[in-house]
N, C-alpha and C. Protein backbone atom coordinates (compact mmCIF):
# COMPACT_ATOMS: atom_id res chain seq x y z
N GLN A 1 -64.43 97.55 -115.48
CA GLN A 1 -65.08 98.55 -115.12
C GLN A 1 -66.54 97.77 -114.61
N LEU A 2 -66.88 98.69 -113.77
CA LEU A 2 -68.13 98.49 -112.91
C LEU A 2 -69.11 99.21 -113.31
N VAL A 3 -70.31 98.97 -113.81
CA VAL A 3 -71.58 99.47 -114.27
C VAL A 3 -72.66 99.41 -112.98
N VAL A 4 -73.12 100.38 -112.29
CA VAL A 4 -73.82 100.19 -111.31
C VAL A 4 -75.11 100.67 -111.92
N VAL A 5 -76.30 99.70 -111.76
CA VAL A 5 -77.49 100.31 -112.53
C VAL A 5 -78.52 100.59 -111.09
N ARG A 6 -78.39 101.71 -111.05
CA ARG A 6 -79.66 102.51 -110.12
C ARG A 6 -80.79 102.52 -110.62
N TRP A 7 -81.91 102.00 -110.03
CA TRP A 7 -83.29 101.84 -110.58
C TRP A 7 -84.30 101.92 -109.35
N ASP A 8 -85.22 102.67 -109.50
CA ASP A 8 -86.11 102.91 -108.03
C ASP A 8 -87.24 102.38 -108.67
N ALA A 9 -87.75 101.25 -107.95
CA ALA A 9 -88.95 100.30 -108.67
C ALA A 9 -90.28 101.24 -108.23
N GLU A 10 -90.16 101.95 -107.18
CA GLU A 10 -91.55 102.41 -106.88
C GLU A 10 -91.72 103.85 -107.84
N ALA A 11 -90.64 104.48 -108.06
CA ALA A 11 -90.87 105.69 -108.76
C ALA A 11 -90.79 104.98 -110.45
N ALA A 12 -90.57 104.14 -110.81
CA ALA A 12 -90.80 103.53 -112.02
C ALA A 12 -92.21 102.93 -111.88
N THR A 13 -92.84 102.41 -111.20
CA THR A 13 -94.22 101.94 -111.25
C THR A 13 -94.97 103.11 -111.17
N ALA A 14 -94.56 104.02 -110.37
CA ALA A 14 -95.44 105.50 -110.46
C ALA A 14 -95.48 106.18 -111.90
N ALA A 15 -94.22 106.32 -112.58
CA ALA A 15 -94.00 106.83 -113.63
C ALA A 15 -94.87 106.03 -114.70
N SER A 16 -94.91 104.54 -114.70
CA SER A 16 -95.54 103.80 -115.62
C SER A 16 -97.01 103.87 -115.51
N ALA A 17 -97.53 103.74 -114.13
CA ALA A 17 -99.01 104.22 -114.10
C ALA A 17 -99.49 105.28 -114.58
N ALA A 18 -98.71 106.64 -114.49
CA ALA A 18 -99.14 107.60 -114.83
C ALA A 18 -98.99 107.73 -116.59
N ALA A 19 -98.15 107.06 -117.28
CA ALA A 19 -97.88 106.94 -118.45
C ALA A 19 -98.87 106.04 -119.13
N GLY A 20 -99.97 105.44 -118.32
CA GLY A 20 -100.59 104.49 -118.75
C GLY A 20 -100.22 102.99 -119.16
N SER A 21 -98.80 102.76 -118.73
CA SER A 21 -98.28 101.53 -119.15
C SER A 21 -99.26 100.41 -118.18
N GLU A 22 -99.36 99.06 -119.03
CA GLU A 22 -100.11 98.02 -118.31
C GLU A 22 -99.26 97.25 -117.07
N GLY A 23 -99.58 97.64 -115.94
CA GLY A 23 -99.00 97.21 -114.70
C GLY A 23 -97.60 96.84 -114.59
N SER A 24 -97.20 95.65 -114.40
CA SER A 24 -95.69 95.18 -114.34
C SER A 24 -94.85 95.21 -115.62
N GLU A 25 -95.77 94.88 -116.70
CA GLU A 25 -95.34 94.70 -118.09
C GLU A 25 -94.20 96.36 -118.31
N GLY A 26 -95.07 97.46 -118.04
CA GLY A 26 -94.34 98.66 -118.02
C GLY A 26 -92.99 99.01 -117.36
N VAL A 27 -93.04 98.44 -116.07
CA VAL A 27 -92.25 98.53 -115.00
C VAL A 27 -90.90 97.42 -115.79
N LEU A 28 -91.34 96.27 -115.81
CA LEU A 28 -90.58 95.54 -116.52
C LEU A 28 -89.85 95.71 -117.59
N GLY A 29 -90.59 96.43 -118.67
CA GLY A 29 -89.99 96.90 -119.70
C GLY A 29 -88.76 97.93 -119.38
N ASP A 30 -89.08 98.92 -118.29
CA ASP A 30 -88.19 99.99 -118.10
C ASP A 30 -86.96 99.31 -117.45
N TRP A 31 -87.22 98.18 -116.53
CA TRP A 31 -85.77 97.68 -116.17
C TRP A 31 -84.91 96.99 -116.97
N ARG A 32 -85.88 96.51 -117.97
CA ARG A 32 -85.04 95.62 -119.13
C ARG A 32 -84.17 96.77 -119.68
N ARG A 33 -84.95 97.65 -120.24
CA ARG A 33 -84.12 98.87 -121.18
C ARG A 33 -82.82 99.39 -120.06
N THR A 34 -83.03 99.51 -118.70
CA THR A 34 -82.11 100.04 -117.93
C THR A 34 -80.81 99.11 -117.95
N VAL A 35 -81.27 97.81 -117.88
CA VAL A 35 -80.26 96.94 -117.64
C VAL A 35 -79.62 96.42 -119.16
N GLU A 36 -80.28 96.67 -120.21
CA GLU A 36 -79.60 96.53 -121.53
C GLU A 36 -78.77 97.61 -121.67
N ALA A 37 -79.03 98.83 -121.39
CA ALA A 37 -78.13 99.95 -121.42
C ALA A 37 -76.91 100.09 -120.66
N ALA A 38 -77.07 99.35 -119.50
CA ALA A 38 -75.83 99.11 -118.85
C ALA A 38 -75.01 98.07 -119.43
N ALA A 39 -75.41 96.85 -119.95
CA ALA A 39 -74.80 95.97 -120.43
C ALA A 39 -74.12 96.76 -121.86
N ALA A 40 -74.79 97.52 -122.72
CA ALA A 40 -74.20 97.90 -123.94
C ALA A 40 -73.29 98.84 -123.38
N ARG A 41 -72.86 99.49 -122.41
CA ARG A 41 -71.76 100.25 -121.99
C ARG A 41 -70.87 99.44 -121.70
N LEU A 42 -70.70 98.12 -121.03
CA LEU A 42 -69.83 97.13 -121.01
C LEU A 42 -69.34 96.57 -122.05
N GLY A 43 -70.11 96.05 -122.81
CA GLY A 43 -69.48 95.50 -124.25
C GLY A 43 -69.53 93.95 -123.68
N GLU A 44 -69.95 93.30 -125.16
CA GLU A 44 -70.39 91.60 -124.91
C GLU A 44 -69.02 90.97 -124.59
N ASP A 45 -67.90 91.57 -124.96
CA ASP A 45 -66.66 90.51 -124.86
C ASP A 45 -65.97 90.95 -123.42
N ARG A 46 -66.40 91.70 -122.50
CA ARG A 46 -65.96 91.67 -121.46
C ARG A 46 -66.26 90.63 -120.36
N GLY A 47 -65.52 90.37 -119.55
CA GLY A 47 -65.65 89.34 -118.82
C GLY A 47 -66.92 89.60 -117.58
N ALA A 48 -67.59 88.75 -117.36
CA ALA A 48 -68.80 88.84 -116.55
C ALA A 48 -69.00 87.97 -115.27
N LEU A 49 -68.11 86.74 -115.52
CA LEU A 49 -68.45 85.72 -114.66
C LEU A 49 -67.40 84.56 -114.56
N VAL A 50 -66.74 84.53 -113.65
CA VAL A 50 -65.96 83.34 -113.48
C VAL A 50 -66.62 82.13 -112.73
N ILE A 51 -66.47 80.93 -113.59
CA ILE A 51 -67.26 79.61 -112.87
C ILE A 51 -65.83 78.66 -112.79
N TYR A 52 -65.86 78.17 -111.89
CA TYR A 52 -64.75 76.77 -111.88
C TYR A 52 -65.30 75.64 -112.25
N THR A 53 -64.57 74.90 -113.22
CA THR A 53 -64.81 73.75 -114.08
C THR A 53 -64.88 72.46 -112.48
N SER A 54 -65.52 71.27 -113.02
CA SER A 54 -65.57 70.32 -111.89
C SER A 54 -64.14 69.28 -111.53
N GLY A 55 -63.26 69.62 -112.83
CA GLY A 55 -62.06 68.96 -112.54
C GLY A 55 -62.36 67.57 -112.87
N THR A 56 -63.21 67.11 -113.92
CA THR A 56 -63.26 65.85 -114.05
C THR A 56 -61.93 65.47 -115.15
N THR A 57 -61.45 66.47 -115.73
CA THR A 57 -60.34 65.99 -116.68
C THR A 57 -58.90 66.58 -116.24
N GLY A 58 -58.94 66.83 -114.87
CA GLY A 58 -57.69 67.33 -114.38
C GLY A 58 -58.03 68.47 -113.21
N ARG A 59 -57.27 69.41 -112.70
CA ARG A 59 -57.36 70.23 -111.86
C ARG A 59 -58.41 71.33 -112.07
N PRO A 60 -59.51 71.53 -111.35
CA PRO A 60 -60.38 72.54 -111.52
C PRO A 60 -59.80 74.02 -112.28
N LYS A 61 -60.47 74.64 -113.37
CA LYS A 61 -60.04 75.45 -114.08
C LYS A 61 -60.96 76.65 -113.81
N GLY A 62 -60.61 77.96 -113.74
CA GLY A 62 -61.76 79.00 -113.98
C GLY A 62 -61.97 79.25 -115.26
N ALA A 63 -63.17 79.26 -115.57
CA ALA A 63 -63.72 79.58 -117.00
C ALA A 63 -64.20 81.08 -116.90
N VAL A 64 -63.76 81.89 -117.59
CA VAL A 64 -64.37 83.19 -117.58
C VAL A 64 -65.71 83.11 -118.82
N HIS A 65 -66.84 83.52 -118.48
CA HIS A 65 -68.09 83.83 -119.34
C HIS A 65 -67.90 85.54 -119.42
N THR A 66 -68.22 85.73 -120.58
CA THR A 66 -68.41 86.90 -120.98
C THR A 66 -69.86 87.65 -120.92
N HIS A 67 -70.06 88.79 -120.99
CA HIS A 67 -71.47 89.36 -120.83
C HIS A 67 -72.21 88.93 -122.11
N GLY A 68 -71.57 88.55 -123.04
CA GLY A 68 -72.05 88.13 -124.38
C GLY A 68 -72.54 86.64 -124.19
N SER A 69 -71.69 85.95 -123.54
CA SER A 69 -72.04 84.28 -123.61
C SER A 69 -72.95 84.33 -122.46
N VAL A 70 -73.04 85.00 -121.45
CA VAL A 70 -74.36 85.10 -120.22
C VAL A 70 -75.51 85.09 -120.84
N ALA A 71 -75.54 86.38 -121.68
CA ALA A 71 -76.45 86.80 -122.30
C ALA A 71 -77.48 85.70 -123.21
N ALA A 72 -76.24 85.28 -124.07
CA ALA A 72 -76.91 84.26 -124.96
C ALA A 72 -77.36 82.62 -124.33
N GLN A 73 -77.09 82.33 -123.40
CA GLN A 73 -77.32 81.40 -122.44
C GLN A 73 -78.66 81.70 -121.77
N VAL A 74 -78.74 82.78 -121.19
CA VAL A 74 -80.02 83.36 -120.81
C VAL A 74 -81.08 83.31 -121.68
N ALA A 75 -80.86 83.97 -122.86
CA ALA A 75 -81.87 84.24 -124.16
C ALA A 75 -82.42 82.95 -124.34
N ALA A 76 -81.43 82.00 -124.63
CA ALA A 76 -81.72 80.56 -125.16
C ALA A 76 -82.58 79.82 -124.13
N LEU A 77 -82.26 80.03 -123.08
CA LEU A 77 -82.79 79.04 -121.78
C LEU A 77 -83.93 79.43 -121.48
N SER A 78 -84.45 80.89 -121.53
CA SER A 78 -85.51 81.89 -121.38
C SER A 78 -86.90 81.52 -122.81
N GLU A 79 -86.14 81.27 -123.87
CA GLU A 79 -87.20 80.92 -124.93
C GLU A 79 -87.49 79.41 -124.70
N ALA A 80 -86.40 78.47 -124.32
CA ALA A 80 -86.84 77.19 -124.67
C ALA A 80 -87.56 76.81 -123.53
N TRP A 81 -87.35 77.40 -122.20
CA TRP A 81 -88.16 77.18 -121.08
C TRP A 81 -89.46 77.94 -120.79
N ARG A 82 -89.65 79.10 -121.77
CA ARG A 82 -90.71 79.97 -121.70
C ARG A 82 -90.82 80.66 -120.41
N TRP A 83 -89.70 81.06 -119.85
CA TRP A 83 -89.71 81.76 -118.64
C TRP A 83 -90.50 83.35 -118.88
N SER A 84 -91.43 83.56 -117.72
CA SER A 84 -92.22 84.77 -117.94
C SER A 84 -91.88 85.54 -116.43
N ASP A 85 -92.55 86.82 -116.52
CA ASP A 85 -92.71 87.29 -115.08
C ASP A 85 -93.76 86.56 -114.24
N LYS A 86 -94.65 85.71 -114.53
CA LYS A 86 -95.63 84.85 -113.74
C LYS A 86 -94.77 83.98 -112.95
N ASP A 87 -93.54 83.33 -113.75
CA ASP A 87 -92.98 82.59 -112.89
C ASP A 87 -92.62 82.85 -111.72
N ARG A 88 -92.42 81.68 -110.76
CA ARG A 88 -91.96 81.79 -109.52
C ARG A 88 -90.95 80.58 -109.33
N ILE A 89 -89.77 80.65 -108.99
CA ILE A 89 -88.89 79.39 -108.90
C ILE A 89 -88.37 79.31 -107.37
N LEU A 90 -88.55 78.06 -106.93
CA LEU A 90 -88.07 77.88 -105.69
C LEU A 90 -86.51 77.13 -105.96
N HIS A 91 -85.67 78.15 -105.18
CA HIS A 91 -84.27 78.06 -105.71
C HIS A 91 -83.39 77.32 -104.36
N CYS A 92 -82.64 76.40 -104.69
CA CYS A 92 -82.04 75.77 -103.74
C CYS A 92 -80.69 75.00 -103.96
N LEU A 93 -80.32 75.69 -105.51
CA LEU A 93 -79.02 74.95 -106.01
C LEU A 93 -78.09 76.08 -105.48
N PRO A 94 -76.53 75.39 -105.54
CA PRO A 94 -75.55 76.42 -105.05
C PRO A 94 -75.22 77.43 -106.02
N MET A 95 -75.07 78.79 -105.60
CA MET A 95 -75.03 79.76 -106.59
C MET A 95 -73.48 79.97 -106.91
N HIS A 96 -72.57 78.89 -106.94
CA HIS A 96 -71.09 78.61 -107.36
C HIS A 96 -71.33 77.98 -108.88
N HIS A 97 -72.26 77.64 -109.18
CA HIS A 97 -72.55 76.80 -110.08
C HIS A 97 -73.36 77.38 -111.30
N VAL A 98 -72.91 77.12 -112.61
CA VAL A 98 -73.94 77.66 -113.73
C VAL A 98 -75.37 77.22 -113.66
N HIS A 99 -75.59 76.19 -113.35
CA HIS A 99 -77.22 75.71 -113.02
C HIS A 99 -77.71 76.49 -112.05
N GLY A 100 -77.20 76.85 -110.91
CA GLY A 100 -77.95 77.79 -109.81
C GLY A 100 -78.00 79.12 -110.35
N ILE A 101 -76.54 79.67 -110.59
CA ILE A 101 -76.54 81.00 -110.97
C ILE A 101 -76.95 81.39 -112.20
N VAL A 102 -76.87 81.16 -113.45
CA VAL A 102 -77.52 81.28 -114.60
C VAL A 102 -78.81 80.62 -114.79
N ASN A 103 -78.97 79.51 -114.83
CA ASN A 103 -80.24 78.82 -115.27
C ASN A 103 -81.26 79.10 -114.74
N ALA A 104 -81.00 79.18 -113.19
CA ALA A 104 -82.15 79.47 -112.01
C ALA A 104 -82.18 80.85 -111.94
N CYS A 105 -81.02 81.38 -111.68
CA CYS A 105 -81.19 82.73 -110.90
C CYS A 105 -81.29 83.84 -112.09
N TYR A 106 -80.44 83.87 -113.05
CA TYR A 106 -80.21 84.62 -113.93
C TYR A 106 -81.25 85.09 -115.21
N CYS A 107 -81.88 83.57 -115.34
CA CYS A 107 -82.96 83.25 -116.32
C CYS A 107 -84.03 83.98 -115.54
N ALA A 108 -84.40 83.68 -114.14
CA ALA A 108 -85.76 84.09 -113.73
C ALA A 108 -85.26 85.75 -113.56
N LEU A 109 -84.48 86.29 -113.09
CA LEU A 109 -84.35 87.78 -113.10
C LEU A 109 -84.37 88.34 -114.56
N GLY A 110 -83.93 87.79 -115.39
CA GLY A 110 -84.23 88.29 -116.82
C GLY A 110 -85.32 88.16 -117.33
N ALA A 111 -86.19 87.36 -116.87
CA ALA A 111 -87.98 87.23 -117.29
C ALA A 111 -88.80 88.25 -116.27
N GLY A 112 -88.00 88.51 -115.19
CA GLY A 112 -88.84 89.12 -114.25
C GLY A 112 -89.64 88.62 -113.31
N ALA A 113 -89.28 87.29 -113.13
CA ALA A 113 -89.81 86.04 -112.24
C ALA A 113 -89.39 86.15 -110.85
N THR A 114 -89.96 85.79 -109.89
CA THR A 114 -89.87 85.86 -108.63
C THR A 114 -88.99 84.44 -108.13
N ILE A 115 -87.92 84.85 -107.56
CA ILE A 115 -87.06 83.74 -106.79
C ILE A 115 -87.53 83.58 -105.30
N ASP A 116 -87.85 82.38 -105.19
CA ASP A 116 -87.89 81.99 -103.41
C ASP A 116 -86.73 81.17 -103.55
N PHE A 117 -85.55 81.90 -102.48
CA PHE A 117 -84.51 81.04 -102.02
C PHE A 117 -84.74 80.19 -100.84
N LEU A 118 -84.09 79.05 -100.78
CA LEU A 118 -84.25 78.30 -99.58
C LEU A 118 -82.76 78.36 -99.04
N PRO A 119 -82.44 78.40 -97.88
CA PRO A 119 -80.93 78.76 -97.32
C PRO A 119 -80.15 77.58 -97.53
N LYS A 120 -80.57 76.22 -97.72
CA LYS A 120 -79.98 75.06 -98.12
C LYS A 120 -80.93 73.90 -98.62
N PHE A 121 -80.52 72.91 -99.27
CA PHE A 121 -81.39 71.92 -99.62
C PHE A 121 -81.93 71.27 -98.54
N SER A 122 -83.27 70.90 -98.64
CA SER A 122 -83.97 70.39 -97.39
C SER A 122 -85.05 69.69 -98.01
N PRO A 123 -85.14 68.25 -98.05
CA PRO A 123 -86.42 67.91 -98.85
C PRO A 123 -87.97 67.99 -97.97
N SER A 124 -87.72 68.33 -96.68
CA SER A 124 -88.86 68.33 -96.23
C SER A 124 -89.39 69.97 -96.43
N ALA A 125 -88.47 70.67 -96.59
CA ALA A 125 -88.87 72.16 -96.64
C ALA A 125 -89.22 72.43 -98.14
N ILE A 126 -88.54 71.72 -98.84
CA ILE A 126 -89.35 71.83 -100.33
C ILE A 126 -90.55 71.37 -100.58
N TRP A 127 -90.77 69.97 -99.94
CA TRP A 127 -92.51 69.55 -99.99
C TRP A 127 -93.27 70.56 -99.40
N SER A 128 -92.82 71.06 -98.26
CA SER A 128 -93.61 71.99 -97.73
C SER A 128 -94.30 73.18 -98.15
N ARG A 129 -92.80 73.70 -99.12
CA ARG A 129 -93.31 74.83 -99.71
C ARG A 129 -94.30 74.79 -101.01
N LEU A 130 -93.72 73.73 -101.78
CA LEU A 130 -94.79 72.94 -102.93
C LEU A 130 -96.15 72.86 -102.41
N ILE A 131 -96.14 72.44 -101.15
CA ILE A 131 -97.92 72.10 -100.77
C ILE A 131 -98.17 73.55 -100.31
N ALA A 132 -97.60 74.23 -99.70
CA ALA A 132 -98.28 75.51 -99.35
C ALA A 132 -98.73 76.33 -100.68
N GLY A 133 -97.83 76.44 -101.52
CA GLY A 133 -98.11 77.06 -102.76
C GLY A 133 -99.29 76.44 -103.70
N HIS A 134 -99.25 75.27 -103.67
CA HIS A 134 -100.50 74.29 -104.21
C HIS A 134 -101.78 74.70 -103.68
N GLU A 135 -101.68 74.72 -102.24
CA GLU A 135 -102.98 74.72 -101.20
C GLU A 135 -103.36 76.25 -101.03
N GLY A 136 -102.68 77.11 -101.38
CA GLY A 136 -102.78 78.45 -101.30
C GLY A 136 -102.47 79.42 -100.14
N THR A 137 -101.78 78.55 -99.31
CA THR A 137 -101.24 79.50 -98.13
C THR A 137 -99.96 80.12 -98.33
N ALA A 138 -99.48 80.12 -99.55
CA ALA A 138 -98.22 80.79 -99.92
C ALA A 138 -98.25 81.09 -101.55
N PRO A 139 -97.67 81.61 -102.08
CA PRO A 139 -97.86 81.84 -103.71
C PRO A 139 -97.35 80.76 -104.27
N GLU A 140 -97.80 80.31 -105.35
CA GLU A 140 -97.74 79.15 -105.99
C GLU A 140 -96.16 79.08 -106.74
N VAL A 141 -95.66 78.10 -106.62
CA VAL A 141 -94.40 77.88 -107.35
C VAL A 141 -94.40 77.12 -108.41
N THR A 142 -93.82 77.69 -109.65
CA THR A 142 -94.11 77.14 -111.16
C THR A 142 -92.88 76.48 -111.60
N LEU A 143 -91.83 76.70 -110.94
CA LEU A 143 -90.42 75.91 -111.43
C LEU A 143 -89.79 75.38 -110.24
N PHE A 144 -89.12 74.39 -110.31
CA PHE A 144 -88.15 73.75 -109.46
C PHE A 144 -86.88 73.29 -110.22
N MET A 145 -85.63 73.40 -109.94
CA MET A 145 -84.63 72.91 -110.53
C MET A 145 -83.84 72.13 -109.32
N GLY A 146 -83.11 71.06 -109.83
CA GLY A 146 -82.02 70.62 -109.09
C GLY A 146 -81.23 69.35 -109.89
N VAL A 147 -80.28 68.86 -108.97
CA VAL A 147 -79.62 67.78 -109.56
C VAL A 147 -80.29 66.45 -109.09
N PRO A 148 -79.65 65.50 -109.99
CA PRO A 148 -80.40 64.01 -109.49
C PRO A 148 -80.38 63.57 -108.16
N THR A 149 -79.26 63.80 -107.60
CA THR A 149 -79.46 63.83 -106.09
C THR A 149 -80.43 64.08 -105.16
N MET A 150 -80.51 65.56 -105.53
CA MET A 150 -81.71 66.09 -104.79
C MET A 150 -83.34 65.25 -105.15
N TYR A 151 -83.55 65.02 -106.51
CA TYR A 151 -84.50 64.25 -106.72
C TYR A 151 -84.60 63.07 -105.93
N VAL A 152 -83.59 62.08 -105.82
CA VAL A 152 -83.49 60.93 -105.21
C VAL A 152 -84.12 61.27 -103.70
N ARG A 153 -83.54 62.48 -103.09
CA ARG A 153 -83.78 62.70 -101.72
C ARG A 153 -85.22 63.04 -101.39
N LEU A 154 -85.40 63.93 -102.41
CA LEU A 154 -86.98 64.07 -102.39
C LEU A 154 -87.97 63.01 -102.37
N LEU A 155 -87.53 61.95 -103.28
CA LEU A 155 -88.41 60.93 -103.36
C LEU A 155 -88.47 60.04 -102.22
N GLN A 156 -86.97 59.97 -101.60
CA GLN A 156 -86.98 59.20 -100.27
C GLN A 156 -87.89 59.42 -99.18
N ALA A 157 -87.71 61.08 -99.13
CA ALA A 157 -88.87 61.70 -98.18
C ALA A 157 -90.17 61.77 -98.40
N TYR A 158 -90.62 61.54 -99.77
CA TYR A 158 -91.95 61.15 -100.04
C TYR A 158 -92.55 59.76 -99.58
N ASP A 159 -91.55 58.86 -99.76
CA ASP A 159 -91.79 57.29 -99.41
C ASP A 159 -91.71 57.37 -98.02
N GLY A 160 -91.28 58.56 -97.12
CA GLY A 160 -91.41 58.33 -95.55
C GLY A 160 -92.65 58.71 -95.10
N TYR A 161 -93.51 59.73 -96.20
CA TYR A 161 -94.57 60.06 -95.74
C TYR A 161 -95.79 59.31 -95.61
N ASP A 162 -97.03 59.37 -94.84
CA ASP A 162 -98.16 58.54 -94.93
C ASP A 162 -98.84 58.96 -96.27
N ALA A 163 -99.79 58.05 -96.71
CA ALA A 163 -100.56 58.39 -97.84
C ALA A 163 -101.25 59.86 -98.09
N ASP A 164 -101.81 60.43 -96.93
CA ASP A 164 -102.43 61.59 -97.27
C ASP A 164 -101.07 62.62 -97.47
N LYS A 165 -100.05 62.84 -96.98
CA LYS A 165 -99.24 63.52 -97.26
C LYS A 165 -98.30 63.36 -98.46
N GLN A 166 -98.41 62.03 -98.99
CA GLN A 166 -97.86 61.54 -100.36
C GLN A 166 -99.02 62.37 -101.35
N GLY A 167 -100.12 62.13 -100.99
CA GLY A 167 -101.08 62.72 -102.15
C GLY A 167 -101.01 64.28 -102.38
N ARG A 168 -100.46 64.98 -101.16
CA ARG A 168 -100.48 66.46 -101.07
C ARG A 168 -99.15 66.72 -101.81
N CYS A 169 -98.42 65.99 -101.51
CA CYS A 169 -96.97 66.14 -102.22
C CYS A 169 -96.92 65.92 -103.70
N ALA A 170 -97.50 64.98 -104.19
CA ALA A 170 -97.75 64.64 -105.68
C ALA A 170 -98.57 65.66 -106.27
N ALA A 171 -99.78 66.13 -105.71
CA ALA A 171 -100.66 67.08 -106.27
C ALA A 171 -99.63 68.47 -106.44
N ALA A 172 -98.78 68.84 -105.61
CA ALA A 172 -98.23 69.92 -105.51
C ALA A 172 -96.94 69.88 -106.72
N ALA A 173 -96.42 68.78 -106.73
CA ALA A 173 -95.40 68.41 -107.72
C ALA A 173 -96.14 68.62 -109.20
N ARG A 174 -97.34 68.00 -109.17
CA ARG A 174 -98.01 68.17 -110.47
C ARG A 174 -98.32 69.31 -111.12
N SER A 175 -98.55 70.58 -109.94
CA SER A 175 -98.98 72.00 -110.41
C SER A 175 -97.65 72.75 -110.90
N LEU A 176 -96.47 72.08 -110.64
CA LEU A 176 -95.33 72.70 -111.45
C LEU A 176 -95.59 73.06 -112.85
N ARG A 177 -95.04 74.16 -113.32
CA ARG A 177 -95.00 74.33 -114.84
C ARG A 177 -93.81 73.37 -115.17
N MET A 178 -93.00 73.14 -114.49
CA MET A 178 -91.59 72.65 -114.99
C MET A 178 -90.83 72.36 -113.82
N ALA A 179 -90.24 70.93 -114.03
CA ALA A 179 -89.30 70.68 -112.89
C ALA A 179 -87.97 70.25 -113.90
N VAL A 180 -86.83 70.76 -113.61
CA VAL A 180 -85.50 70.18 -114.08
C VAL A 180 -84.60 69.86 -113.47
N SER A 181 -84.00 68.48 -114.09
CA SER A 181 -82.95 67.94 -113.55
C SER A 181 -81.61 68.27 -114.39
N GLY A 182 -80.66 68.76 -113.54
CA GLY A 182 -79.55 69.02 -114.41
C GLY A 182 -78.11 69.10 -113.86
N SER A 183 -77.21 69.36 -114.59
CA SER A 183 -75.74 69.24 -114.08
C SER A 183 -75.14 67.87 -114.02
N ALA A 184 -75.90 66.86 -114.52
CA ALA A 184 -75.61 65.33 -114.31
C ALA A 184 -76.57 64.84 -114.99
N ALA A 185 -76.42 63.68 -115.59
CA ALA A 185 -77.39 62.86 -116.35
C ALA A 185 -78.34 62.26 -115.27
N CYS A 186 -79.59 62.39 -115.70
CA CYS A 186 -80.63 61.85 -114.80
C CYS A 186 -80.71 60.32 -115.24
N PRO A 187 -80.38 59.42 -113.95
CA PRO A 187 -80.92 58.06 -114.68
C PRO A 187 -82.48 57.99 -114.75
N VAL A 188 -82.48 56.89 -115.99
CA VAL A 188 -83.89 56.63 -116.54
C VAL A 188 -84.81 56.03 -115.38
N PRO A 189 -84.31 55.25 -114.45
CA PRO A 189 -85.26 54.92 -113.47
C PRO A 189 -85.57 55.96 -112.55
N LEU A 190 -84.72 56.92 -112.32
CA LEU A 190 -84.97 58.04 -111.44
C LEU A 190 -86.41 58.97 -112.18
N PHE A 191 -85.75 59.11 -113.35
CA PHE A 191 -86.75 59.84 -114.07
C PHE A 191 -88.51 59.54 -114.21
N GLU A 192 -88.08 57.87 -114.30
CA GLU A 192 -89.38 57.35 -114.72
C GLU A 192 -90.11 57.11 -112.94
N ARG A 193 -89.55 57.14 -112.02
CA ARG A 193 -90.16 57.29 -110.62
C ARG A 193 -90.66 58.38 -110.41
N TRP A 194 -90.02 59.84 -110.60
CA TRP A 194 -90.59 61.21 -110.42
C TRP A 194 -91.79 61.14 -111.36
N GLU A 195 -91.54 61.04 -112.62
CA GLU A 195 -92.96 61.01 -113.41
C GLU A 195 -94.07 60.30 -112.96
N ALA A 196 -93.51 59.03 -112.47
CA ALA A 196 -94.92 58.09 -111.77
C ALA A 196 -95.69 58.68 -110.57
N VAL A 197 -94.78 59.51 -109.58
CA VAL A 197 -95.15 60.00 -108.45
C VAL A 197 -95.81 61.56 -108.73
N THR A 198 -95.68 62.00 -109.87
CA THR A 198 -95.87 63.55 -110.35
C THR A 198 -96.66 63.78 -111.29
N GLY A 199 -96.78 62.65 -112.12
CA GLY A 199 -97.56 62.73 -113.62
C GLY A 199 -96.76 63.48 -114.37
């Protein structure tokens, strides 16, 4: 069963303003109620998402996540990570993996946050975007998520910059509300180096 959610943001904003709702909270509330109603029609036990396992114990297998399991994961992470509609994530994770699709994308969408997608992982593009947000030439990024290898590459790029650019990178990374390393264990030396650079 396919449930199509039709939602006109402009009409909802106008109706919310006419009703005296507070800015985006009224619109966001309307959106959440619309999505919740659509999800209720589907049911929690219906398949929502197929993600393939990494195959560490054999051949990769398709794991079906239900609407209920995805909703529970989004709710738990949204609470633990305090997602809000004020957040903006710089997203460069693959969208065929739970980290990219659920943790970074669905949590952001569930909170009404903004997602800035990069077409591919690029340490220089990430540093440039973080700096632009911190220095006010673009909206400020509040969250970044990556796998340990991405943080290794970010630090390698950082090491290749001059002292001025390093200072700008460090200040930009410090302004993040949260940086997450996931999908694999983050080696302690990598964590300590990132912490030393970014505070």
